[in-house]
N, C-alpha and C. Protein backbone atom coordinates (compact mmCIF):
# COMPACT_ATOMS: atom_id res chain seq x y z
N MET A 1 40.29 -51.90 5.21
CA MET A 1 41.50 -52.40 5.84
C MET A 1 41.63 -53.90 5.53
N SER A 2 42.78 -54.30 5.05
CA SER A 2 42.98 -55.70 4.68
C SER A 2 43.09 -56.58 5.94
N LEU A 3 42.91 -57.87 5.74
CA LEU A 3 43.04 -58.83 6.84
C LEU A 3 44.43 -58.73 7.46
N LYS A 4 45.46 -58.61 6.63
CA LYS A 4 46.84 -58.51 7.12
C LYS A 4 47.01 -57.25 7.98
N ASP A 5 46.42 -56.13 7.55
CA ASP A 5 46.49 -54.90 8.35
C ASP A 5 45.78 -55.06 9.69
N GLN A 6 44.62 -55.71 9.65
CA GLN A 6 43.88 -55.97 10.90
C GLN A 6 44.68 -56.87 11.83
N PHE A 7 45.33 -57.89 11.23
CA PHE A 7 46.16 -58.82 11.99
C PHE A 7 47.33 -58.08 12.64
N ASP A 8 48.01 -57.25 11.85
CA ASP A 8 49.14 -56.48 12.39
C ASP A 8 48.69 -55.57 13.53
N ALA A 9 47.51 -54.97 13.40
CA ALA A 9 46.97 -54.11 14.46
C ALA A 9 46.66 -54.94 15.71
N ALA A 10 46.12 -56.14 15.51
CA ALA A 10 45.80 -57.02 16.65
C ALA A 10 47.08 -57.46 17.36
N VAL A 11 48.14 -57.74 16.59
CA VAL A 11 49.43 -58.11 17.19
C VAL A 11 49.92 -56.96 18.07
N ALA A 12 49.83 -55.73 17.56
CA ALA A 12 50.24 -54.56 18.34
C ALA A 12 49.35 -54.42 19.58
N ASP A 13 48.04 -54.60 19.41
CA ASP A 13 47.10 -54.49 20.53
C ASP A 13 47.37 -55.55 21.60
N SER A 14 47.82 -56.73 21.17
CA SER A 14 48.05 -57.82 22.13
C SER A 14 49.16 -57.47 23.12
N LYS A 15 50.02 -56.55 22.74
CA LYS A 15 51.12 -56.14 23.62
C LYS A 15 50.70 -55.06 24.62
N THR A 16 49.48 -54.52 24.46
CA THR A 16 49.02 -53.44 25.34
C THR A 16 47.66 -53.77 25.97
N LEU A 17 47.40 -55.04 26.20
CA LEU A 17 46.13 -55.43 26.82
C LEU A 17 46.07 -54.91 28.25
N PRO A 18 44.85 -54.63 28.75
CA PRO A 18 44.72 -54.09 30.10
C PRO A 18 45.25 -55.04 31.18
N GLU A 19 45.13 -56.34 30.97
CA GLU A 19 45.73 -57.29 31.90
C GLU A 19 46.29 -58.48 31.14
N ARG A 20 47.28 -59.13 31.76
CA ARG A 20 47.95 -60.27 31.12
C ARG A 20 46.98 -61.45 31.03
N PRO A 21 46.82 -62.02 29.84
CA PRO A 21 45.95 -63.20 29.71
C PRO A 21 46.52 -64.41 30.47
N ASP A 22 45.66 -65.38 30.77
CA ASP A 22 46.13 -66.59 31.43
C ASP A 22 46.99 -67.41 30.45
N ASN A 23 47.67 -68.40 30.98
CA ASN A 23 48.62 -69.17 30.16
C ASN A 23 47.96 -69.87 28.98
N GLN A 24 46.75 -70.40 29.16
CA GLN A 24 46.06 -71.07 28.05
C GLN A 24 45.78 -70.08 26.92
N THR A 25 45.37 -68.88 27.28
CA THR A 25 45.09 -67.86 26.27
C THR A 25 46.38 -67.43 25.58
N LEU A 26 47.45 -67.28 26.35
CA LEU A 26 48.75 -66.93 25.76
C LEU A 26 49.20 -68.00 24.78
N LEU A 27 49.00 -69.27 25.14
CA LEU A 27 49.36 -70.37 24.23
C LEU A 27 48.55 -70.29 22.95
N LYS A 28 47.27 -69.98 23.08
CA LYS A 28 46.40 -69.89 21.91
C LYS A 28 46.85 -68.74 21.00
N LEU A 29 47.19 -67.59 21.61
CA LEU A 29 47.69 -66.45 20.83
C LEU A 29 48.97 -66.83 20.10
N TYR A 30 49.88 -67.50 20.81
CA TYR A 30 51.14 -67.92 20.20
C TYR A 30 50.88 -68.85 19.01
N ALA A 31 50.04 -69.86 19.23
CA ALA A 31 49.78 -70.86 18.19
C ALA A 31 49.10 -70.22 16.96
N LEU A 32 48.13 -69.34 17.20
CA LEU A 32 47.46 -68.68 16.08
C LEU A 32 48.43 -67.78 15.32
N PHE A 33 49.30 -67.07 16.05
CA PHE A 33 50.29 -66.21 15.40
C PHE A 33 51.22 -67.05 14.52
N LYS A 34 51.73 -68.16 15.07
CA LYS A 34 52.65 -69.01 14.32
C LYS A 34 51.95 -69.62 13.10
N GLN A 35 50.72 -70.07 13.27
CA GLN A 35 49.98 -70.67 12.15
C GLN A 35 49.73 -69.62 11.07
N ALA A 36 49.42 -68.39 11.48
CA ALA A 36 49.14 -67.32 10.53
C ALA A 36 50.40 -66.89 9.78
N THR A 37 51.54 -66.90 10.46
CA THR A 37 52.76 -66.36 9.85
C THR A 37 53.68 -67.41 9.25
N ALA A 38 53.62 -68.66 9.76
CA ALA A 38 54.57 -69.68 9.31
C ALA A 38 53.90 -70.94 8.76
N GLY A 39 52.58 -71.07 8.93
CA GLY A 39 51.90 -72.28 8.46
C GLY A 39 52.00 -73.41 9.46
N ASP A 40 51.80 -74.63 8.99
CA ASP A 40 51.80 -75.80 9.87
C ASP A 40 53.15 -75.98 10.56
N VAL A 41 53.08 -76.48 11.79
CA VAL A 41 54.28 -76.73 12.59
C VAL A 41 55.19 -77.73 11.88
N GLU A 42 56.48 -77.52 12.01
CA GLU A 42 57.47 -78.44 11.45
C GLU A 42 58.43 -78.85 12.55
N GLY A 43 59.15 -79.92 12.32
CA GLY A 43 60.15 -80.37 13.29
C GLY A 43 59.56 -81.31 14.31
N ASP A 44 60.44 -81.84 15.13
CA ASP A 44 60.05 -82.81 16.14
C ASP A 44 59.51 -82.12 17.38
N ARG A 45 58.63 -82.86 18.07
CA ARG A 45 58.07 -82.36 19.32
C ARG A 45 59.19 -82.28 20.36
N PRO A 46 59.28 -81.16 21.10
CA PRO A 46 60.31 -81.06 22.14
C PRO A 46 60.17 -82.14 23.20
N GLY A 47 61.27 -82.45 23.86
CA GLY A 47 61.30 -83.52 24.86
C GLY A 47 60.48 -83.23 26.10
N MET A 48 60.28 -84.26 26.91
CA MET A 48 59.46 -84.19 28.11
C MET A 48 59.93 -83.12 29.10
N THR A 49 61.21 -82.85 29.16
CA THR A 49 61.74 -81.90 30.14
C THR A 49 61.62 -80.45 29.69
N ASP A 50 61.29 -80.23 28.44
CA ASP A 50 61.18 -78.88 27.89
C ASP A 50 59.70 -78.49 27.89
N PHE A 51 59.17 -78.26 29.11
CA PHE A 51 57.73 -78.06 29.28
C PHE A 51 57.16 -76.91 28.45
N VAL A 52 57.81 -75.76 28.49
CA VAL A 52 57.29 -74.56 27.82
C VAL A 52 57.23 -74.76 26.31
N ASN A 53 58.35 -75.17 25.72
CA ASN A 53 58.37 -75.34 24.26
C ASN A 53 57.50 -76.50 23.81
N ARG A 54 57.37 -77.52 24.65
CA ARG A 54 56.49 -78.64 24.32
C ARG A 54 55.03 -78.17 24.28
N ALA A 55 54.63 -77.35 25.24
CA ALA A 55 53.26 -76.83 25.28
C ALA A 55 53.00 -75.93 24.07
N LYS A 56 53.98 -75.10 23.72
CA LYS A 56 53.84 -74.23 22.54
C LYS A 56 53.69 -75.08 21.27
N TRP A 57 54.54 -76.10 21.15
CA TRP A 57 54.52 -76.97 19.97
C TRP A 57 53.16 -77.67 19.86
N ASP A 58 52.66 -78.19 20.99
CA ASP A 58 51.38 -78.90 21.00
C ASP A 58 50.23 -77.98 20.61
N ALA A 59 50.25 -76.74 21.12
CA ALA A 59 49.19 -75.78 20.79
C ALA A 59 49.22 -75.45 19.31
N TRP A 60 50.41 -75.28 18.75
CA TRP A 60 50.55 -74.98 17.33
C TRP A 60 50.13 -76.18 16.49
N LYS A 61 50.54 -77.38 16.90
CA LYS A 61 50.22 -78.61 16.18
C LYS A 61 48.70 -78.81 16.09
N ALA A 62 47.98 -78.38 17.12
CA ALA A 62 46.52 -78.55 17.16
C ALA A 62 45.83 -77.74 16.06
N LEU A 63 46.53 -76.74 15.52
CA LEU A 63 45.95 -75.90 14.47
C LEU A 63 46.33 -76.36 13.06
N GLU A 64 47.01 -77.48 12.96
CA GLU A 64 47.48 -77.97 11.66
C GLU A 64 46.33 -78.02 10.66
N GLY A 65 46.59 -77.49 9.47
CA GLY A 65 45.59 -77.50 8.41
C GLY A 65 44.78 -76.21 8.32
N LYS A 66 44.82 -75.41 9.37
CA LYS A 66 44.11 -74.12 9.34
C LYS A 66 44.87 -73.18 8.41
N THR A 67 44.15 -72.47 7.56
CA THR A 67 44.81 -71.56 6.62
C THR A 67 45.34 -70.34 7.37
N SER A 68 46.26 -69.65 6.72
CA SER A 68 46.83 -68.43 7.29
C SER A 68 45.73 -67.40 7.55
N ASP A 69 44.82 -67.23 6.59
CA ASP A 69 43.74 -66.26 6.76
C ASP A 69 42.82 -66.63 7.93
N GLU A 70 42.51 -67.92 8.06
CA GLU A 70 41.66 -68.36 9.18
C GLU A 70 42.35 -68.08 10.51
N ALA A 71 43.64 -68.38 10.58
CA ALA A 71 44.40 -68.15 11.81
C ALA A 71 44.47 -66.66 12.13
N MET A 72 44.67 -65.84 11.11
CA MET A 72 44.70 -64.38 11.33
C MET A 72 43.37 -63.90 11.88
N GLN A 73 42.26 -64.35 11.29
CA GLN A 73 40.94 -63.92 11.75
C GLN A 73 40.69 -64.39 13.18
N ASP A 74 41.04 -65.62 13.50
CA ASP A 74 40.86 -66.14 14.86
C ASP A 74 41.70 -65.33 15.85
N TYR A 75 42.92 -64.96 15.46
CA TYR A 75 43.80 -64.16 16.32
C TYR A 75 43.16 -62.79 16.58
N ILE A 76 42.69 -62.15 15.50
CA ILE A 76 42.04 -60.84 15.62
C ILE A 76 40.84 -60.94 16.57
N ASP A 77 40.00 -61.95 16.38
CA ASP A 77 38.81 -62.13 17.22
C ASP A 77 39.19 -62.35 18.68
N LEU A 78 40.22 -63.13 18.92
CA LEU A 78 40.66 -63.41 20.29
C LEU A 78 41.17 -62.14 20.97
N VAL A 79 42.00 -61.37 20.27
CA VAL A 79 42.52 -60.13 20.86
C VAL A 79 41.38 -59.14 21.12
N GLU A 80 40.44 -59.04 20.17
CA GLU A 80 39.30 -58.14 20.37
C GLU A 80 38.52 -58.53 21.64
N GLY A 81 38.39 -59.84 21.86
CA GLY A 81 37.67 -60.31 23.05
C GLY A 81 38.43 -60.03 24.35
N LEU A 82 39.72 -59.85 24.27
CA LEU A 82 40.54 -59.60 25.46
C LEU A 82 40.63 -58.11 25.81
N LYS A 83 40.28 -57.26 24.87
CA LYS A 83 40.40 -55.81 25.10
C LYS A 83 39.33 -55.28 26.03
């Protein structure tokens, strides 16, 4: 099974976890998914009043430079740990 197939399976599994992860874990999943599928974050950081999108942007920005394959593997490992 290729890394991409494993990643796609982990994305599907993330939607059927036995319990909802905490917000920090959700942010990490979001950031790893974005890094794996879109690469480094682009655009300006959202403003102070846009708390949710600012937190998402910051989490994604923290992964800058990580390759798509590394992000996919980290995402797979994280979802496996949550199951």
